[in-house]
Structures are given as C-alpha cells and as structure tokens.
C-alpha cells in the first residue's frame, strides 16, 4: 500500500537548520509531484514547498522562500526539505504529500518541528 514516512523533525533553536526526509513506497514515485505542507496549532495546513515529476520545477510558500530547498531522489524514492534560518513561527507538524490528480493524493503522518526562540 501507499506509504509516506516523514523523519528528521525535532527541536531546534531559532537560526538553526533541519533536514526533513520523506520515504515513499507503494506507488510509482516518478509519476507524482511531491510536496511538503505544514500545520501549526489553530492554523490551516499550508504549502511549504513542492517539486515536480522532473525533479527541477519547484515552488515555495512565501514564508519559507529563500530559506528552504526541496529535492527528490528518484533512485531512493525520497523527498527532502532542507530548512535554514529557522524561526519560531516555523513550528508546526510537517507533512509529506504525493499528488497526481484527483483520487491520487496521499499524505504521511507528519513530523513535528519545534523552533525555540
């Protein structure tokens, strides 16, 4: 079955960095756009970054643009999110998403990122 397993979250001080990883299985990885979303307590889920099926087209949410980089490894079926210059407002649960249109939209369980001031 489809699985998206996030890892790499944790506690970090403001100004620090984290690298989140998402291990994908159970579907044709190369056919899906991959994204990271996040959801903070009391807030809606928001897009952090996405990467297309060619591994080159990327898009970033305004709040992380310039501080983050998304990448994917087709050989390992992995997606990564490198986040730098972290701020307390980056504190959220980060979710990995695989998308190929309606009915082909998968989510991981999420990994907590907490940034202390």
Protein backbone atom coordinates (compact mmCIF):
# COMPACT_ATOMS: atom_id res chain seq x y z
CA UNK A 1 0.00 0.00 0.00
CA UNK A 2 0.98 3.65 -0.31
CA UNK A 3 3.27 4.86 2.43
CA UNK A 4 4.84 8.22 3.06
CA UNK A 5 7.03 8.24 6.14
CA UNK A 6 8.48 11.53 7.35
CA UNK A 7 11.51 11.85 9.56
CA UNK A 8 14.01 14.47 10.67
CA UNK A 9 11.80 16.66 12.78
CA UNK A 10 12.70 17.73 16.28
CA UNK A 11 13.66 20.65 18.47
CA UNK A 12 15.96 23.35 17.16
CA UNK A 13 16.90 26.84 18.23
CA UNK A 14 15.97 29.83 16.16
CA UNK A 15 18.52 30.36 13.42
CA UNK A 16 19.25 26.66 13.16
CA UNK A 17 18.66 24.19 10.37
CA UNK A 18 16.82 20.93 9.85
CA UNK A 19 16.56 18.45 7.01
CA UNK A 20 13.30 16.60 6.74
CA UNK A 21 13.06 13.35 4.81
CA UNK A 22 10.11 11.52 3.32
CA UNK A 23 10.37 7.87 2.31
CA UNK A 24 7.81 6.94 -0.35
CA UNK A 25 6.62 3.47 -1.29
CA UNK A 26 3.66 1.67 -2.78
CA UNK A 27 3.25 3.87 -5.86
CA UNK A 28 5.18 4.96 -8.95
CA UNK A 29 7.23 7.69 -7.36
CA UNK A 30 8.31 9.36 -10.58
CA UNK A 31 4.69 9.92 -11.68
CA UNK A 32 3.81 12.06 -8.68
CA UNK A 33 4.51 15.65 -7.75
CA UNK A 34 5.83 15.74 -4.20
CA UNK A 35 5.26 18.44 -1.63
CA UNK A 36 5.77 19.41 1.95
CA UNK A 37 2.95 21.05 3.87
CA UNK A 38 2.81 22.20 7.44
CA UNK A 39 0.14 22.85 10.01
CA UNK A 40 0.59 24.86 13.17
CA UNK A 41 -1.86 24.63 16.08
CA UNK A 42 -5.04 26.55 15.30
CA UNK A 43 -3.98 27.25 11.72
CA UNK A 44 -4.80 25.79 8.34
CA UNK A 45 -2.44 23.47 6.56
CA UNK A 46 -0.20 25.44 4.20
CA UNK A 47 2.14 24.59 1.36
CA UNK A 48 5.82 24.78 2.25
CA UNK A 49 7.39 23.52 -0.96
CA UNK A 50 6.66 21.34 -3.95
CA UNK A 51 8.70 19.66 -6.65
CA UNK A 52 7.53 18.35 -9.98
CA UNK A 53 7.92 14.99 -11.61
CA UNK A 54 11.01 16.18 -13.48
CA UNK A 55 12.79 16.99 -10.25
CA UNK A 56 13.51 20.51 -11.41
CA UNK A 57 10.32 22.56 -11.18
CA UNK A 58 9.93 23.78 -7.63
CA UNK A 59 7.64 26.13 -5.78
CA UNK A 60 7.85 27.56 -2.29
CA UNK A 61 5.49 29.15 0.16
CA UNK A 62 6.15 32.82 0.76
CA UNK A 63 7.02 32.25 4.40
CA UNK A 64 9.92 29.91 3.63
CA UNK A 65 11.12 31.15 0.26
CA UNK A 66 14.84 31.77 0.29
CA UNK A 67 15.33 29.70 3.45
CA UNK A 68 14.32 26.27 2.21
CA UNK A 69 15.12 23.83 -0.55
CA UNK A 70 13.12 20.82 -1.67
CA UNK A 71 14.72 17.96 -3.54
CA UNK A 72 13.91 14.40 -4.55
CA UNK A 73 15.94 11.27 -5.18
CA UNK A 74 14.32 9.08 -7.81
CA UNK A 75 16.67 6.18 -7.12
CA UNK A 76 15.76 6.07 -3.44
CA UNK A 77 12.13 7.27 -3.65
CA UNK A 78 12.93 10.01 -1.19
CA UNK A 79 11.94 13.64 -0.84
CA UNK A 80 13.89 16.10 1.28
CA UNK A 81 13.25 19.53 2.71
CA UNK A 82 16.26 21.50 3.88
CA UNK A 83 15.22 24.39 6.10
CA UNK A 84 17.64 27.06 7.25
CA UNK A 85 17.42 30.16 9.41
CA UNK A 86 14.52 28.62 11.25
CA UNK A 87 12.13 30.87 13.14
CA UNK A 88 9.71 30.14 15.99
CA UNK A 89 6.87 30.63 13.51
CA UNK A 90 8.16 27.63 11.58
CA UNK A 91 6.97 25.46 14.45
CA UNK A 92 4.42 23.03 13.03
CA UNK A 93 3.75 19.47 12.02
CA UNK A 94 5.28 18.92 8.60
CA UNK A 95 3.54 16.55 6.19
CA UNK A 96 4.78 14.88 3.04
CA UNK A 97 2.33 14.75 0.13
CA UNK A 98 2.26 12.86 -3.15
CA UNK A 99 -0.15 14.11 -5.82
CA UNK A 100 -1.12 13.04 -9.31
CA UNK A 101 -4.59 14.49 -9.60
CA UNK A 102 -7.95 13.76 -8.03
CA UNK A 103 -8.04 10.41 -6.33
CA UNK A 104 -4.27 10.18 -6.28
CA UNK A 105 -3.45 12.37 -3.30
CA UNK A 106 -1.53 10.77 -0.47
CA UNK A 107 -0.32 12.05 2.90
CA UNK A 108 2.16 10.98 5.51
CA UNK A 109 1.54 11.07 9.24
CA UNK A 110 3.70 14.12 9.79
CA UNK A 111 6.76 15.03 11.78
CA UNK A 112 6.88 17.72 14.46
CA UNK A 113 9.26 20.64 14.12
CA UNK A 114 9.63 22.92 17.11
CA UNK A 115 11.76 26.04 16.93
CA UNK A 116 12.59 27.73 20.19
CA UNK A 117 13.35 31.42 20.46
